[in-house]
Amino acid sequence: MTIYDLIKSIPQDMLTRLVQAKVITPEWRRSVLVYDYFQKMCQETGRMDAYDRTGEKFYMSDENVRRIIRKLSSPAPA
């Protein structure tokens, strides 16, 4: 299970409460959106172009997109 899978498995109301308790940052929503968009772009184009298009869509550098994808693709702690 990846971190992305873990976040997607937590109910929305629980994630909201975790943000309010400052256990996770509010940026998780944007990270999930970036990850979802990147996956969609990978199906339409190659990975390199997907990084570019995702960065343009979310007004961030390719490197920041790479960090988000790397983080959410990593295995979730047991």
PDB file of N, CA and C in Angstrom:
ATOM      1  N   MET A   1       0.845  -1.178   0.000  1.00  0.00           N
ATOM      2  CA  MET A   1       0.000   0.000   0.000  1.00  0.00           C
ATOM      3  C   MET A   1       0.895   1.248   0.000  1.00  0.00           C
ATOM      4  N   THR A   2       0.560   2.175  -0.877  1.00  0.00           N
ATOM      5  CA  THR A   2       1.331   3.423  -0.943  1.00  0.00           C
ATOM      6  C   THR A   2       0.689   4.479  -0.038  1.00  0.00           C
ATOM      7  N   ILE A   3       1.383   5.584   0.133  1.00  0.00           N
ATOM      8  CA  ILE A   3       0.834   6.683   0.925  1.00  0.00           C
ATOM      9  C   ILE A   3      -0.435   7.212   0.265  1.00  0.00           C
ATOM     10  N   TYR A   4      -0.449   7.261  -1.070  1.00  0.00           N
ATOM     11  CA  TYR A   4      -1.649   7.688  -1.798  1.00  0.00           C
ATOM     12  C   TYR A   4      -2.829   6.777  -1.464  1.00  0.00           C
ATOM     13  N   ASP A   5      -2.617   5.471  -1.520  1.00  0.00           N
ATOM     14  CA  ASP A   5      -3.684   4.517  -1.195  1.00  0.00           C
ATOM     15  C   ASP A   5      -4.176   4.700   0.238  1.00  0.00           C
ATOM     16  N   LEU A   6      -3.241   4.957   1.137  1.00  0.00           N
ATOM     17  CA  LEU A   6      -3.605   5.168   2.541  1.00  0.00           C
ATOM     18  C   LEU A   6      -4.474   6.409   2.706  1.00  0.00           C
ATOM     19  N   ILE A   7      -4.077   7.507   2.081  1.00  0.00           N
ATOM     20  CA  ILE A   7      -4.867   8.741   2.174  1.00  0.00           C
ATOM     21  C   ILE A   7      -6.254   8.546   1.580  1.00  0.00           C
ATOM     22  N   LYS A   8      -6.321   7.859   0.434  1.00  0.00           N
ATOM     23  CA  LYS A   8      -7.611   7.636  -0.214  1.00  0.00           C
ATOM     24  C   LYS A   8      -8.521   6.713   0.599  1.00  0.00           C
ATOM     25  N   SER A   9      -7.942   5.886   1.473  1.00  0.00           N
ATOM     26  CA  SER A   9      -8.740   4.956   2.265  1.00  0.00           C
ATOM     27  C   SER A   9      -9.317   5.598   3.532  1.00  0.00           C
ATOM     28  N   ILE A  10      -8.810   6.767   3.899  1.00  0.00           N
ATOM     29  CA  ILE A  10      -9.299   7.453   5.100  1.00  0.00           C
ATOM     30  C   ILE A  10     -10.521   8.286   4.724  1.00  0.00           C
ATOM     31  N   PRO A  11     -11.599   8.157   5.488  1.00  0.00           N
ATOM     32  CA  PRO A  11     -12.810   8.949   5.179  1.00  0.00           C
ATOM     33  C   PRO A  11     -12.528  10.456   5.228  1.00  0.00           C
ATOM     34  N   GLN A  12     -13.232  11.191   4.393  1.00  0.00           N
ATOM     35  CA  GLN A  12     -13.048  12.640   4.251  1.00  0.00           C
ATOM     36  C   GLN A  12     -13.190  13.374   5.590  1.00  0.00           C
ATOM     37  N   ASP A  13     -14.189  13.020   6.380  1.00  0.00           N
ATOM     38  CA  ASP A  13     -14.395  13.713   7.654  1.00  0.00           C
ATOM     39  C   ASP A  13     -13.237  13.464   8.616  1.00  0.00           C
ATOM     40  N   MET A  14     -12.645  12.277   8.569  1.00  0.00           N
ATOM     41  CA  MET A  14     -11.495  11.978   9.424  1.00  0.00           C
ATOM     42  C   MET A  14     -10.281  12.797   8.982  1.00  0.00           C
ATOM     43  N   LEU A  15     -10.071  12.933   7.664  1.00  0.00           N
ATOM     44  CA  LEU A  15      -8.961  13.753   7.174  1.00  0.00           C
ATOM     45  C   LEU A  15      -9.128  15.202   7.603  1.00  0.00           C
ATOM     46  N   THR A  16     -10.355  15.702   7.554  1.00  0.00           N
ATOM     47  CA  THR A  16     -10.622  17.080   7.988  1.00  0.00           C
ATOM     48  C   THR A  16     -10.275  17.253   9.464  1.00  0.00           C
ATOM     49  N   ARG A  17     -10.648  16.275  10.264  1.00  0.00           N
ATOM     50  CA  ARG A  17     -10.337  16.358  11.702  1.00  0.00           C
ATOM     51  C   ARG A  17      -8.837  16.257  11.957  1.00  0.00           C
ATOM     52  N   LEU A  18      -8.138  15.449  11.169  1.00  0.00           N
ATOM     53  CA  LEU A  18      -6.686  15.347  11.316  1.00  0.00           C
ATOM     54  C   LEU A  18      -5.993  16.656  10.944  1.00  0.00           C
ATOM     55  N   VAL A  19      -6.517  17.343   9.946  1.00  0.00           N
ATOM     56  CA  VAL A  19      -5.973  18.654   9.573  1.00  0.00           C
ATOM     57  C   VAL A  19      -6.228  19.652  10.695  1.00  0.00           C
ATOM     58  N   GLN A  20      -7.428  19.655  11.239  1.00  0.00           N
ATOM     59  CA  GLN A  20      -7.765  20.577  12.329  1.00  0.00           C
ATOM     60  C   GLN A  20      -6.899  20.319  13.560  1.00  0.00           C
ATOM     61  N   ALA A  21      -6.560  19.058  13.793  1.00  0.00           N
ATOM     62  CA  ALA A  21      -5.705  18.709  14.927  1.00  0.00           C
ATOM     63  C   ALA A  21      -4.219  18.894  14.606  1.00  0.00           C
ATOM     64  N   LYS A  22      -3.928  19.329  13.374  1.00  0.00           N
ATOM     65  CA  LYS A  22      -2.567  19.574  12.892  1.00  0.00           C
ATOM     66  C   LYS A  22      -1.700  18.317  12.889  1.00  0.00           C
ATOM     67  N   VAL A  23      -2.347  17.171  12.657  1.00  0.00           N
ATOM     68  CA  VAL A  23      -1.624  15.921  12.510  1.00  0.00           C
ATOM     69  C   VAL A  23      -1.085  15.813  11.090  1.00  0.00           C
ATOM     70  N   ILE A  24      -1.890  16.239  10.107  1.00  0.00           N
ATOM     71  CA  ILE A  24      -1.435  16.313   8.723  1.00  0.00           C
ATOM     72  C   ILE A  24      -1.659  17.734   8.223  1.00  0.00           C
ATOM     73  N   THR A  25      -0.947  18.094   7.177  1.00  0.00           N
ATOM     74  CA  THR A  25      -1.058  19.456   6.648  1.00  0.00           C
ATOM     75  C   THR A  25      -2.238  19.567   5.690  1.00  0.00           C
ATOM     76  N   PRO A  26      -2.779  20.769   5.547  1.00  0.00           N
ATOM     77  CA  PRO A  26      -3.890  20.957   4.605  1.00  0.00           C
ATOM     78  C   PRO A  26      -3.484  20.759   3.146  1.00  0.00           C
ATOM     79  N   GLU A  27      -2.207  20.717   2.861  1.00  0.00           N
ATOM     80  CA  GLU A  27      -1.732  20.536   1.493  1.00  0.00           C
ATOM     81  C   GLU A  27      -1.985  19.132   0.956  1.00  0.00           C
ATOM     82  N   TRP A  28      -2.442  18.208   1.791  1.00  0.00           N
ATOM     83  CA  TRP A  28      -2.679  16.848   1.319  1.00  0.00           C
ATOM     84  C   TRP A  28      -3.684  16.843   0.176  1.00  0.00           C
ATOM     85  N   ARG A  29      -4.676  17.732   0.242  1.00  0.00           N
ATOM     86  CA  ARG A  29      -5.689  17.775  -0.826  1.00  0.00           C
ATOM     87  C   ARG A  29      -5.042  18.103  -2.175  1.00  0.00           C
ATOM     88  N   ARG A  30      -4.204  19.106  -2.170  1.00  0.00           N
ATOM     89  CA  ARG A  30      -3.539  19.503  -3.419  1.00  0.00           C
ATOM     90  C   ARG A  30      -2.608  18.395  -3.904  1.00  0.00           C
ATOM     91  N   SER A  31      -1.918  17.761  -2.985  1.00  0.00           N
ATOM     92  CA  SER A  31      -1.023  16.672  -3.368  1.00  0.00           C
ATOM     93  C   SER A  31      -1.792  15.537  -4.033  1.00  0.00           C
ATOM     94  N   VAL A  32      -2.950  15.205  -3.518  1.00  0.00           N
ATOM     95  CA  VAL A  32      -3.768  14.148  -4.116  1.00  0.00           C
ATOM     96  C   VAL A  32      -4.259  14.577  -5.493  1.00  0.00           C
ATOM     97  N   LEU A  33      -4.651  15.832  -5.626  1.00  0.00           N
ATOM     98  CA  LEU A  33      -5.082  16.333  -6.935  1.00  0.00           C
ATOM     99  C   LEU A  33      -3.937  16.278  -7.946  1.00  0.00           C
ATOM    100  N   VAL A  34      -2.750  16.672  -7.513  1.00  0.00           N
ATOM    101  CA  VAL A  34      -1.570  16.629  -8.386  1.00  0.00           C
ATOM    102  C   VAL A  34      -1.291  15.187  -8.804  1.00  0.00           C
ATOM    103  N   TYR A  35      -1.338  14.279  -7.858  1.00  0.00           N
ATOM    104  CA  TYR A  35      -1.069  12.868  -8.144  1.00  0.00           C
ATOM    105  C   TYR A  35      -2.092  12.306  -9.132  1.00  0.00           C
ATOM    106  N   ASP A  36      -3.370  12.584  -8.900  1.00  0.00           N
ATOM    107  CA  ASP A  36      -4.424  12.100  -9.795  1.00  0.00           C
ATOM    108  C   ASP A  36      -4.251  12.658 -11.209  1.00  0.00           C
ATOM    109  N   TYR A  37      -3.967  13.955 -11.304  1.00  0.00           N
ATOM    110  CA  TYR A  37      -3.791  14.579 -12.614  1.00  0.00           C
ATOM    111  C   TYR A  37      -2.565  14.007 -13.326  1.00  0.00           C
ATOM    112  N   PHE A  38      -1.495  13.805 -12.565  1.00  0.00           N
ATOM    113  CA  PHE A  38      -0.277  13.239 -13.143  1.00  0.00           C
ATOM    114  C   PHE A  38      -0.553  11.847 -13.707  1.00  0.00           C
ATOM    115  N   GLN A  39      -1.262  11.014 -12.972  1.00  0.00           N
ATOM    116  CA  GLN A  39      -1.590   9.663 -13.444  1.00  0.00           C
ATOM    117  C   GLN A  39      -2.417   9.717 -14.726  1.00  0.00           C
ATOM    118  N   LYS A  40      -3.354  10.656 -14.785  1.00  0.00           N
ATOM    119  CA  LYS A  40      -4.174  10.826 -15.985  1.00  0.00           C
ATOM    120  C   LYS A  40      -3.299  11.235 -17.176  1.00  0.00           C
ATOM    121  N   MET A  41      -2.381  12.162 -16.945  1.00  0.00           N
ATOM    122  CA  MET A  41      -1.494  12.622 -18.012  1.00  0.00           C
ATOM    123  C   MET A  41      -0.550  11.511 -18.469  1.00  0.00           C
ATOM    124  N   CYS A  42      -0.136  10.646 -17.565  1.00  0.00           N
ATOM    125  CA  CYS A  42       0.741   9.532 -17.938  1.00  0.00           C
ATOM    126  C   CYS A  42       0.046   8.591 -18.906  1.00  0.00           C
ATOM    127  N   GLN A  43      -1.259   8.452 -18.777  1.00  0.00           N
ATOM    128  CA  GLN A  43      -2.007   7.591 -19.694  1.00  0.00           C
ATOM    129  C   GLN A  43      -2.103   8.214 -21.080  1.00  0.00           C
ATOM    130  N   GLU A  44      -2.102   9.554 -21.134  1.00  0.00           N
ATOM    131  CA  GLU A  44      -2.222  10.255 -22.409  1.00  0.00           C
ATOM    132  C   GLU A  44      -0.880  10.524 -23.067  1.00  0.00           C
ATOM    133  N   THR A  45       0.149  10.758 -22.267  1.00  0.00           N
ATOM    134  CA  THR A  45       1.479  11.097 -22.780  1.00  0.00           C
ATOM    135  C   THR A  45       2.524  10.299 -22.015  1.00  0.00           C
ATOM    136  N   GLY A  46       3.772  10.595 -22.253  1.00  0.00           N
ATOM    137  CA  GLY A  46       4.849   9.964 -21.493  1.00  0.00           C
ATOM    138  C   GLY A  46       5.012  10.634 -20.132  1.00  0.00           C
ATOM    139  N   ARG A  47       5.826  10.028 -19.295  1.00  0.00           N
ATOM    140  CA  ARG A  47       6.026  10.549 -17.930  1.00  0.00           C
ATOM    141  C   ARG A  47       6.658  11.947 -17.940  1.00  0.00           C
ATOM    142  N   MET A  48       7.627  12.160 -18.796  1.00  0.00           N
ATOM    143  CA  MET A  48       8.306  13.460 -18.813  1.00  0.00           C
ATOM    144  C   MET A  48       7.328  14.572 -19.179  1.00  0.00           C
ATOM    145  N   ASP A  49       6.513  14.339 -20.188  1.00  0.00           N
ATOM    146  CA  ASP A  49       5.514  15.322 -20.580  1.00  0.00           C
ATOM    147  C   ASP A  49       4.455  15.480 -19.494  1.00  0.00           C
ATOM    148  N   ALA A  50       4.153  14.396 -18.793  1.00  0.00           N
ATOM    149  CA  ALA A  50       3.166  14.454 -17.710  1.00  0.00           C
ATOM    150  C   ALA A  50       3.661  15.353 -16.581  1.00  0.00           C
ATOM    151  N   TYR A  51       4.961  15.305 -16.282  1.00  0.00           N
ATOM    152  CA  TYR A  51       5.512  16.214 -15.258  1.00  0.00           C
ATOM    153  C   TYR A  51       5.334  17.663 -15.697  1.00  0.00           C
ATOM    154  N   ASP A  52       5.645  17.942 -16.964  1.00  0.00           N
ATOM    155  CA  ASP A  52       5.518  19.307 -17.482  1.00  0.00           C
ATOM    156  C   ASP A  52       4.072  19.799 -17.421  1.00  0.00           C
ATOM    157  N   ARG A  53       3.165  18.988 -17.932  1.00  0.00           N
ATOM    158  CA  ARG A  53       1.756  19.399 -17.971  1.00  0.00           C
ATOM    159  C   ARG A  53       1.167  19.562 -16.572  1.00  0.00           C
ATOM    160  N   THR A  54       1.543  18.674 -15.662  1.00  0.00           N
ATOM    161  CA  THR A  54       1.041  18.778 -14.286  1.00  0.00           C
ATOM    162  C   THR A  54       1.578  20.038 -13.622  1.00  0.00           C
ATOM    163  N   GLY A  55       2.849  20.338 -13.839  1.00  0.00           N
ATOM    164  CA  GLY A  55       3.427  21.559 -13.283  1.00  0.00           C
ATOM    165  C   GLY A  55       2.731  22.800 -13.803  1.00  0.00           C
ATOM    166  N   GLU A  56       2.441  22.811 -15.101  1.00  0.00           N
ATOM    167  CA  GLU A  56       1.734  23.959 -15.688  1.00  0.00           C
ATOM    168  C   GLU A  56       0.328  24.085 -15.123  1.00  0.00           C
ATOM    169  N   LYS A  57      -0.353  22.969 -14.970  1.00  0.00           N
ATOM    170  CA  LYS A  57      -1.736  22.982 -14.476  1.00  0.00           C
ATOM    171  C   LYS A  57      -1.815  23.526 -13.045  1.00  0.00           C
ATOM    172  N   PHE A  58      -0.870  23.133 -12.194  1.00  0.00           N
ATOM    173  CA  PHE A  58      -0.918  23.512 -10.786  1.00  0.00           C
ATOM    174  C   PHE A  58       0.065  24.633 -10.423  1.00  0.00           C
ATOM    175  N   TYR A  59       0.640  25.281 -11.451  1.00  0.00           N
ATOM    176  CA  TYR A  59       1.543  26.419 -11.242  1.00  0.00           C
ATOM    177  C   TYR A  59       2.683  26.079 -10.283  1.00  0.00           C
ATOM    178  N   MET A  60       3.361  24.999 -10.591  1.00  0.00           N
ATOM    179  CA  MET A  60       4.514  24.613  -9.784  1.00  0.00           C
ATOM    180  C   MET A  60       5.591  24.057 -10.696  1.00  0.00           C
ATOM    181  N   SER A  61       6.784  23.972 -10.170  1.00  0.00           N
ATOM    182  CA  SER A  61       7.902  23.465 -10.969  1.00  0.00           C
ATOM    183  C   SER A  61       7.780  21.951 -11.148  1.00  0.00           C
ATOM    184  N   ASP A  62       8.459  21.462 -12.168  1.00  0.00           N
ATOM    185  CA  ASP A  62       8.485  20.018 -12.404  1.00  0.00           C
ATOM    186  C   ASP A  62       9.072  19.293 -11.198  1.00  0.00           C
ATOM    187  N   GLU A  63      10.060  19.904 -10.572  1.00  0.00           N
ATOM    188  CA  GLU A  63      10.699  19.275  -9.416  1.00  0.00           C
ATOM    189  C   GLU A  63       9.711  19.106  -8.253  1.00  0.00           C
ATOM    190  N   ASN A  64       8.863  20.099  -8.039  1.00  0.00           N
ATOM    191  CA  ASN A  64       7.859  19.958  -6.981  1.00  0.00           C
ATOM    192  C   ASN A  64       6.855  18.857  -7.312  1.00  0.00           C
ATOM    193  N   VAL A  65       6.501  18.744  -8.585  1.00  0.00           N
ATOM    194  CA  VAL A  65       5.608  17.657  -9.008  1.00  0.00           C
ATOM    195  C   VAL A  65       6.288  16.325  -8.729  1.00  0.00           C
ATOM    196  N   ARG A  66       7.563  16.226  -9.072  1.00  0.00           N
ATOM    197  CA  ARG A  66       8.310  14.990  -8.835  1.00  0.00           C
ATOM    198  C   ARG A  66       8.340  14.631  -7.347  1.00  0.00           C
ATOM    199  N   ARG A  67       8.539  15.618  -6.493  1.00  0.00           N
ATOM    200  CA  ARG A  67       8.558  15.364  -5.044  1.00  0.00           C
ATOM    201  C   ARG A  67       7.226  14.814  -4.557  1.00  0.00           C
ATOM    202  N   ILE A  68       6.139  15.414  -5.030  1.00  0.00           N
ATOM    203  CA  ILE A  68       4.809  14.958  -4.615  1.00  0.00           C
ATOM    204  C   ILE A  68       4.574  13.534  -5.100  1.00  0.00           C
ATOM    205  N   ILE A  69       4.897  13.263  -6.354  1.00  0.00           N
ATOM    206  CA  ILE A  69       4.685  11.923  -6.915  1.00  0.00           C
ATOM    207  C   ILE A  69       5.545  10.913  -6.176  1.00  0.00           C
ATOM    208  N   ARG A  70       6.778  11.267  -5.916  1.00  0.00           N
ATOM    209  CA  ARG A  70       7.684  10.357  -5.191  1.00  0.00           C
ATOM    210  C   ARG A  70       7.151  10.076  -3.785  1.00  0.00           C
ATOM    211  N   LYS A  71       6.683  11.111  -3.120  1.00  0.00           N
ATOM    212  CA  LYS A  71       6.185  10.950  -1.747  1.00  0.00           C
ATOM    213  C   LYS A  71       4.931  10.082  -1.716  1.00  0.00           C
ATOM    214  N   LEU A  72       3.964  10.378  -2.574  1.00  0.00           N
ATOM    215  CA  LEU A  72       2.710   9.633  -2.540  1.00  0.00           C
ATOM    216  C   LEU A  72       2.861   8.230  -3.112  1.00  0.00           C
ATOM    217  N   SER A  73       3.888   7.976  -3.896  1.00  0.00           N
ATOM    218  CA  SER A  73       4.124   6.643  -4.456  1.00  0.00           C
ATOM    219  C   SER A  73       4.912   5.743  -3.507  1.00  0.00           C
ATOM    220  N   SER A  74       5.494   6.324  -2.471  1.00  0.00           N
ATOM    221  CA  SER A  74       6.309   5.528  -1.559  1.00  0.00           C
ATOM    222  C   SER A  74       5.417   4.650  -0.671  1.00  0.00           C
ATOM    223  N   PRO A  75       5.971   3.547  -0.195  1.00  0.00           N
ATOM    224  CA  PRO A  75       5.167   2.649   0.644  1.00  0.00           C
ATOM    225  C   PRO A  75       4.747   3.320   1.953  1.00  0.00           C
ATOM    226  N   ALA A  76       3.533   3.031   2.363  1.00  0.00           N
ATOM    227  CA  ALA A  76       3.019   3.574   3.633  1.00  0.00           C
ATOM    228  C   ALA A  76       3.668   2.804   4.777  1.00  0.00           C
ATOM    229  N   PRO A  77       3.934   3.480   5.880  1.00  0.00           N
ATOM    230  CA  PRO A  77       4.504   2.784   7.043  1.00  0.00           C
ATOM    231  C   PRO A  77       3.525   1.725   7.565  1.00  0.00           C
ATOM    232  N   ALA A  78       4.075   0.662   8.037  1.00  0.00           N
ATOM    233  CA  ALA A  78       3.233  -0.442   8.531  1.00  0.00           C
ATOM    234  C   ALA A  78       2.603  -0.142   9.868  1.00  0.00           C
TER     235      ALA A  78
END
